[in-house]
Structure formats: C-alpha cells, structure tokens
Amino acid sequence: MTSQSPRPLILVSNDDGYSFNGIHTLIRVARKFGDVVAVAPMHQQSGKGCSITFFQPLRAFKKKEEPGFTQYEVPGTPTDCVKLALSQLLHNRKPDLVLSGINHGYNYGSCTLYSGTMGVVYEAAVQGLPAIAFSARPFAPDSDFSSCEPWMEQIIAKVLTSGLPAGVCLNVNMPDNPLGLKVVPTAMGKWEKEYEHRVDPFGVDYYWVSGEYRLNEPENPNSDVNVVNSGWVAVTPCRVDPTAHSLLDEISTLLT
C-alpha cells in the first residue's frame, strides 16, 4: 500500500479484537471501497470507552500485509489503536474514513458512553475524520452479519461521497434482516441492578457486572433502542462536543 494509491484509505478498528467475526465482516465490506488498514486490540476491550494507555509502552504487531490491506494487533484500548494508527502506522497518510465494529451486541442508549466501539469513532471525530460505528445483536463470536452488509455498504458509500459535519460521527445499530433505515436520537436511560453479589468458594464476597437497562421514556417509538428493536437500522449522529450550548447563559446567570 503506497501513499500514491488512488483508492480511499479506510482505517478499521473495534473493541472485540480479531477473534470475533464482526471485524472480519467489516474489513471485507470496507475493501470494496478502498485500501484498508485494520488496527485492533489484541484482547477484548468492551466497556473501555475512550480510555487510553498511559503507564506502559504500546506495541503494534503486523499480522498481515497484502495489496490493499494491512492488519495490526495492539495490546491496548480501541482509542489507543486509532491514535497509534494516525500517529505512526499510517506513515502520515490521512484516512478518508474510520470504521469501527461490527460490535457483537447493540451499542445504543447511554451504553454509547461506555462503548469501546464508540471510542474508536469519537477519537476519529476529534481528529476531524468522518467515522462510523457498526453494532449488531448477535453475541456469538462466529455470528453471521450478511443480512446487514447491504445497509453497511449504503451508509459507507454515502459518507465517503458526502462526508460528515465536523466533530460528528455515526452510531449504527443493525437488527437481523433490517426492514429499512431510520435516523433517530439516542434513547436516554440508565442501568439498574448493575452488579450481582456472589460469594467465592473461600467465602469471600465478589461482584459480577449484570444489570437491566431502563429507558427514561420507554414509550418513545423514535429512539434508537425502540427503532432497532422494531427491526430497523438505527443511525444516530453523535457529537464529541459535550457542551450544553443552549444553557451557557442560564448557567452563567446562576453562577455569577
């Protein structure tokens, strides 16, 4: 792969690593549109959000190289993978698009705040790059995502052609055999009963992540959660700017 290649350059990452089929499906789809560099975590990184590694060195292991495709494995977080790719591994070639996933399991509602899959596209948006995160329902490592591929191709083609607004990335959740596509807001909610208390064989307490996700507005049919659970591809534009701009004057009046 050379910097003179006329094809778009697409950076691919995820939080599940290469032992899950999702990233291999995404790579196959991405290669229809351009040269692909995949930089993914060596180990499972679900729930890592936008975290980065500070107190140990990062290494990048090149696992495959062929015309139009290079694959690296990094013992770090999804955000580490993007930062390292942009800083070192792409050799100053700027990607035209960053893709994340396919995550095994939906990333919708406030789950996006914790998602390593979303960490990839948030970092890309911070760097001014268009980015799309794809998630689907099946959890099994060998899950088949073929029914989602036409929708992925449609979204990727549109974003490559038209780009995205600055600081915005797309969160895409895909059910099996989608009925169609809708652009919808995030369903706000929270996790309840988040940890299950257990006792190990030595009588020592420990706690296992569990929980139930409760929507603030369960009746809203146009939220990402309800749309995807009704069989539609849910596309949500997400911003990396967390400022509540409409409240600046109100908070200023309150505090000054």
Protein backbone atom coordinates (compact mmCIF):
# COMPACT_ATOMS: atom_id res chain seq x y z
CA MET A 1 0.00 0.00 0.00
CA THR A 2 1.54 3.31 -1.04
CA SER A 3 0.67 6.93 -0.47
CA GLN A 4 0.15 7.24 -4.27
CA SER A 5 -2.80 4.82 -4.24
CA PRO A 6 -5.84 6.39 -5.96
CA ARG A 7 -8.25 4.43 -3.76
CA PRO A 8 -9.59 5.86 -0.50
CA LEU A 9 -7.82 4.79 2.67
CA ILE A 10 -10.09 3.28 5.34
CA LEU A 11 -8.96 2.66 8.91
CA VAL A 12 -10.81 -0.16 10.70
CA SER A 13 -10.80 -1.00 14.40
CA ASN A 14 -13.09 -2.45 17.07
CA ASP A 15 -13.18 -3.44 20.74
CA ASP A 16 -13.67 -7.21 20.37
CA GLY A 17 -10.38 -7.95 18.62
CA TYR A 18 -9.81 -10.35 15.75
CA SER A 19 -11.26 -13.42 17.47
CA PHE A 20 -14.78 -12.17 16.62
CA ASN A 21 -16.29 -12.32 13.14
CA GLY A 22 -17.61 -8.76 13.23
CA ILE A 23 -14.35 -7.08 12.30
CA HIS A 24 -13.68 -9.57 9.51
CA THR A 25 -17.09 -8.81 8.01
CA LEU A 26 -16.40 -5.08 8.28
CA ILE A 27 -12.98 -5.46 6.65
CA ARG A 28 -14.49 -7.41 3.77
CA VAL A 29 -17.12 -4.71 3.19
CA ALA A 30 -14.59 -1.87 3.58
CA ARG A 31 -12.24 -3.40 0.98
CA LYS A 32 -14.93 -2.90 -1.65
CA PHE A 33 -14.45 0.85 -1.20
CA GLY A 34 -10.73 1.35 -0.69
CA ASP A 35 -7.42 0.30 0.79
CA VAL A 36 -7.86 -0.90 4.35
CA VAL A 37 -5.60 -0.76 7.38
CA ALA A 38 -7.02 -2.65 10.36
CA VAL A 39 -5.59 -1.83 13.79
CA ALA A 40 -7.45 -3.68 16.53
CA PRO A 41 -6.88 -4.64 20.17
CA MET A 42 -5.08 -7.86 20.99
CA HIS A 43 -7.51 -8.61 23.82
CA GLN A 44 -11.21 -7.98 24.49
CA GLN A 45 -11.74 -4.29 25.28
CA SER A 46 -15.51 -3.96 25.71
CA GLY A 47 -16.53 -1.16 28.06
CA LYS A 48 -13.24 0.73 27.67
CA GLY A 49 -14.95 3.80 26.23
CA CYS A 50 -12.39 6.43 25.20
CA SER A 51 -9.70 5.28 27.62
CA ILE A 52 -6.03 5.34 26.61
CA THR A 53 -2.87 3.68 27.92
CA PHE A 54 -0.52 5.90 29.94
CA PHE A 55 1.81 3.85 32.11
CA GLN A 56 3.12 1.15 29.78
CA PRO A 57 4.51 1.20 26.25
CA LEU A 58 2.37 0.26 23.28
CA ARG A 59 3.46 -2.22 20.62
CA ALA A 60 1.99 -2.87 17.21
CA PHE A 61 2.33 -6.34 15.70
CA LYS A 62 1.87 -6.56 11.95
CA LYS A 63 -0.15 -9.73 11.33
CA LYS A 64 -0.81 -9.49 7.58
CA GLU A 65 0.18 -7.37 4.59
CA GLU A 66 -1.05 -7.75 1.03
CA PRO A 67 -2.01 -5.36 -1.77
CA GLY A 68 -4.69 -3.03 -0.42
CA PHE A 69 -4.73 -4.47 3.08
CA THR A 70 -2.58 -4.34 6.21
CA GLN A 71 -3.52 -5.73 9.61
CA TYR A 72 -2.04 -4.82 13.00
CA GLU A 73 -2.73 -6.06 16.52
CA VAL A 74 -2.15 -3.75 19.50
CA PRO A 75 -2.17 -4.75 23.20
CA GLY A 76 -4.13 -1.63 24.13
CA THR A 77 -7.54 0.00 24.01
CA PRO A 78 -9.59 0.83 20.91
CA THR A 79 -8.70 4.51 21.26
CA ASP A 80 -5.02 3.53 21.54
CA CYS A 81 -5.39 1.73 18.22
CA VAL A 82 -6.74 4.83 16.45
CA LYS A 83 -4.20 7.18 17.98
CA LEU A 84 -1.28 4.87 17.17
CA ALA A 85 -2.50 4.34 13.62
CA LEU A 86 -2.86 8.06 12.93
CA SER A 87 0.41 8.97 14.60
CA GLN A 88 2.68 6.16 13.39
CA LEU A 89 1.27 3.22 11.48
CA LEU A 90 -0.29 5.06 8.52
CA HIS A 91 3.00 6.87 7.81
CA ASN A 92 1.39 10.30 7.55
CA ARG A 93 -1.33 9.16 5.15
CA LYS A 94 -4.66 10.55 6.36
CA PRO A 95 -7.57 8.09 6.21
CA ASP A 96 -10.63 9.10 4.25
CA LEU A 97 -12.88 7.18 6.64
CA VAL A 98 -12.67 5.40 10.01
CA LEU A 99 -14.90 2.39 10.69
CA SER A 100 -15.49 0.55 13.96
CA GLY A 101 -17.08 -2.85 14.62
CA ILE A 102 -19.04 -4.77 13.82
CA ASN A 103 -19.65 -4.91 17.57
CA HIS A 104 -21.26 -8.13 18.80
CA GLY A 105 -24.22 -6.66 20.68
CA TYR A 106 -26.03 -3.34 20.33
CA ASN A 107 -24.45 -0.04 21.37
CA TYR A 108 -27.47 2.17 21.90
CA GLY A 109 -28.90 4.45 24.56
CA SER A 110 -26.42 5.63 27.17
CA CYS A 111 -24.36 2.47 26.52
CA THR A 112 -22.53 4.60 23.97
CA LEU A 113 -20.79 6.41 26.84
CA TYR A 114 -19.02 3.20 27.86
CA SER A 115 -18.53 1.56 24.48
CA GLY A 116 -15.04 0.83 23.18
CA THR A 117 -16.61 0.56 19.73
CA MET A 118 -17.73 4.17 20.06
CA GLY A 119 -14.33 5.14 21.47
CA VAL A 120 -12.89 4.47 18.01
CA VAL A 121 -15.23 6.86 16.21
CA TYR A 122 -15.17 9.51 18.91
CA GLU A 123 -11.38 9.67 18.58
CA ALA A 124 -11.68 9.87 14.80
CA ALA A 125 -14.17 12.74 15.12
CA VAL A 126 -11.82 14.56 17.50
CA GLN A 127 -9.17 14.27 14.77
CA GLY A 128 -11.55 15.71 12.17
CA LEU A 129 -12.16 12.42 10.36
CA PRO A 130 -15.54 11.02 9.26
CA ALA A 131 -16.28 7.85 11.20
CA ILE A 132 -18.99 5.20 11.53
CA ALA A 133 -19.52 2.63 14.29
CA PHE A 134 -21.49 -0.52 13.43
CA SER A 135 -23.13 -2.80 16.00
CA ALA A 136 -25.50 -5.74 15.67
CA ARG A 137 -27.43 -8.01 18.00
CA PRO A 138 -25.66 -11.41 17.91
CA PHE A 139 -23.09 -12.01 20.66
CA ALA A 140 -21.56 -15.28 19.44
CA PRO A 141 -18.01 -14.83 18.09
CA ASP A 142 -18.89 -16.59 14.82
CA SER A 143 -22.11 -14.64 14.20
CA ASP A 144 -23.28 -14.12 10.60
CA PHE A 145 -23.87 -10.45 9.69
CA SER A 146 -24.55 -10.95 5.98
CA SER A 147 -28.10 -9.54 6.16
CA CYS A 148 -26.63 -6.24 7.39
CA GLU A 149 -23.99 -5.86 4.71
CA PRO A 150 -26.14 -4.02 2.11
CA TRP A 151 -27.03 -1.38 4.71
CA MET A 152 -23.40 -1.01 5.72
CA GLU A 153 -22.42 -0.57 2.08
CA GLN A 154 -25.12 2.07 1.58
CA ILE A 155 -24.01 4.10 4.60
CA ILE A 156 -20.29 3.82 3.84
CA ALA A 157 -20.80 4.88 0.22
CA LYS A 158 -22.83 7.94 1.24
CA VAL A 159 -20.32 9.07 3.88
CA LEU A 160 -17.32 8.56 1.59
CA THR A 161 -19.05 10.71 -1.03
CA SER A 162 -20.51 13.45 1.16
CA GLY A 163 -18.51 13.34 4.40
CA LEU A 164 -19.91 14.30 7.81
CA PRO A 165 -20.13 17.60 9.70
CA ALA A 166 -17.06 18.45 11.77
CA GLY A 167 -16.99 16.71 15.14
CA VAL A 168 -19.81 14.32 14.26
CA CYS A 169 -19.66 10.53 13.93
CA LEU A 170 -22.38 7.97 13.24
CA ASN A 171 -23.57 5.22 15.57
CA VAL A 172 -25.31 2.47 13.58
CA ASN A 173 -27.21 -0.40 15.21
CA MET A 174 -28.45 -3.19 12.94
CA PRO A 175 -31.02 -5.90 13.63
CA ASP A 176 -31.14 -9.17 11.68
CA ASN A 177 -32.73 -8.74 8.23
CA PRO A 178 -33.47 -5.00 8.61
CA LEU A 179 -36.73 -3.53 7.37
CA GLY A 180 -35.10 -0.24 6.43
CA LEU A 181 -33.12 2.65 7.90
CA LYS A 182 -34.08 5.49 10.22
CA VAL A 183 -32.01 8.39 11.60
CA VAL A 184 -33.01 8.75 15.24
CA PRO A 185 -31.87 10.18 18.60
CA THR A 186 -30.27 8.26 21.44
CA ALA A 187 -32.68 6.79 23.98
CA MET A 188 -31.66 8.14 27.35
CA GLY A 189 -31.83 5.77 30.26
CA LYS A 190 -29.69 4.14 32.92
CA TRP A 191 -28.58 0.78 34.18
CA GLU A 192 -30.22 -0.66 37.29
CA LYS A 193 -29.12 -3.59 39.46
CA GLU A 194 -25.71 -3.20 37.85
CA TYR A 195 -23.79 -5.69 40.00
CA GLU A 196 -24.71 -9.13 41.20
CA HIS A 197 -23.35 -10.11 44.61
CA ARG A 198 -21.68 -13.52 44.75
CA VAL A 199 -19.50 -15.48 47.16
CA ASP A 200 -16.48 -17.45 46.02
CA PRO A 201 -15.58 -20.98 47.33
CA PHE A 202 -13.48 -19.37 50.08
CA GLY A 203 -16.40 -17.34 51.40
CA VAL A 204 -15.13 -14.04 50.02
CA ASP A 205 -17.62 -11.59 48.50
CA TYR A 206 -17.26 -10.50 44.90
CA TYR A 207 -19.44 -8.67 42.39
CA TRP A 208 -20.27 -9.54 38.77
CA VAL A 209 -21.43 -6.98 36.20
CA SER A 210 -25.05 -7.60 35.34
CA GLY A 211 -27.89 -5.07 35.24
CA GLU A 212 -31.01 -4.06 33.38
CA TYR A 213 -31.26 -1.05 31.07
CA ARG A 214 -34.28 1.16 31.79
CA LEU A 215 -35.39 3.86 29.35
CA ASN A 216 -36.37 7.29 30.66
CA GLU A 217 -39.11 7.42 28.01
CA PRO A 218 -39.99 3.79 27.21
CA GLU A 219 -42.96 4.80 25.07
CA ASN A 220 -40.91 6.92 22.62
CA PRO A 221 -41.07 4.94 19.33
CA ASN A 222 -38.40 7.08 17.66
CA SER A 223 -35.47 6.36 19.96
CA ASP A 224 -32.55 4.24 18.79
CA VAL A 225 -33.46 1.45 21.23
CA ASN A 226 -37.08 1.16 20.10
CA VAL A 227 -36.33 1.62 16.40
CA VAL A 228 -33.71 -1.13 16.25
CA ASN A 229 -35.81 -3.44 18.43
CA SER A 230 -38.63 -2.92 15.90
CA GLY A 231 -36.43 -4.24 13.10
CA TRP A 232 -34.95 -1.07 11.60
CA VAL A 233 -31.35 0.04 11.21
CA ALA A 234 -30.94 2.90 13.69
CA VAL A 235 -28.45 5.62 12.72
CA THR A 236 -27.63 8.24 15.34
CA PRO A 237 -25.33 11.23 14.71
CA CYS A 238 -23.13 11.73 17.78
CA ARG A 239 -21.07 14.77 18.74
CA VAL A 240 -17.76 14.89 20.56
CA ASP A 241 -18.50 18.38 21.89
CA PRO A 242 -20.23 17.74 25.26
CA THR A 243 -21.09 21.40 25.87
CA ALA A 244 -24.74 22.20 26.58
CA HIS A 245 -24.56 25.32 24.40
CA SER A 246 -28.20 26.32 24.92
CA LEU A 247 -27.59 26.51 28.68
CA LEU A 248 -24.45 28.66 28.72
CA ASP A 249 -26.31 31.89 29.54
CA GLU A 250 -28.54 30.19 32.11
CA ILE A 251 -25.61 28.62 33.98
CA SER A 252 -23.66 31.88 33.75
CA THR A 253 -26.56 33.71 35.39
CA LEU A 254 -26.80 31.04 38.06
CA LEU A 255 -23.11 31.13 38.99
CA THR A 256 -22.14 34.79 38.56
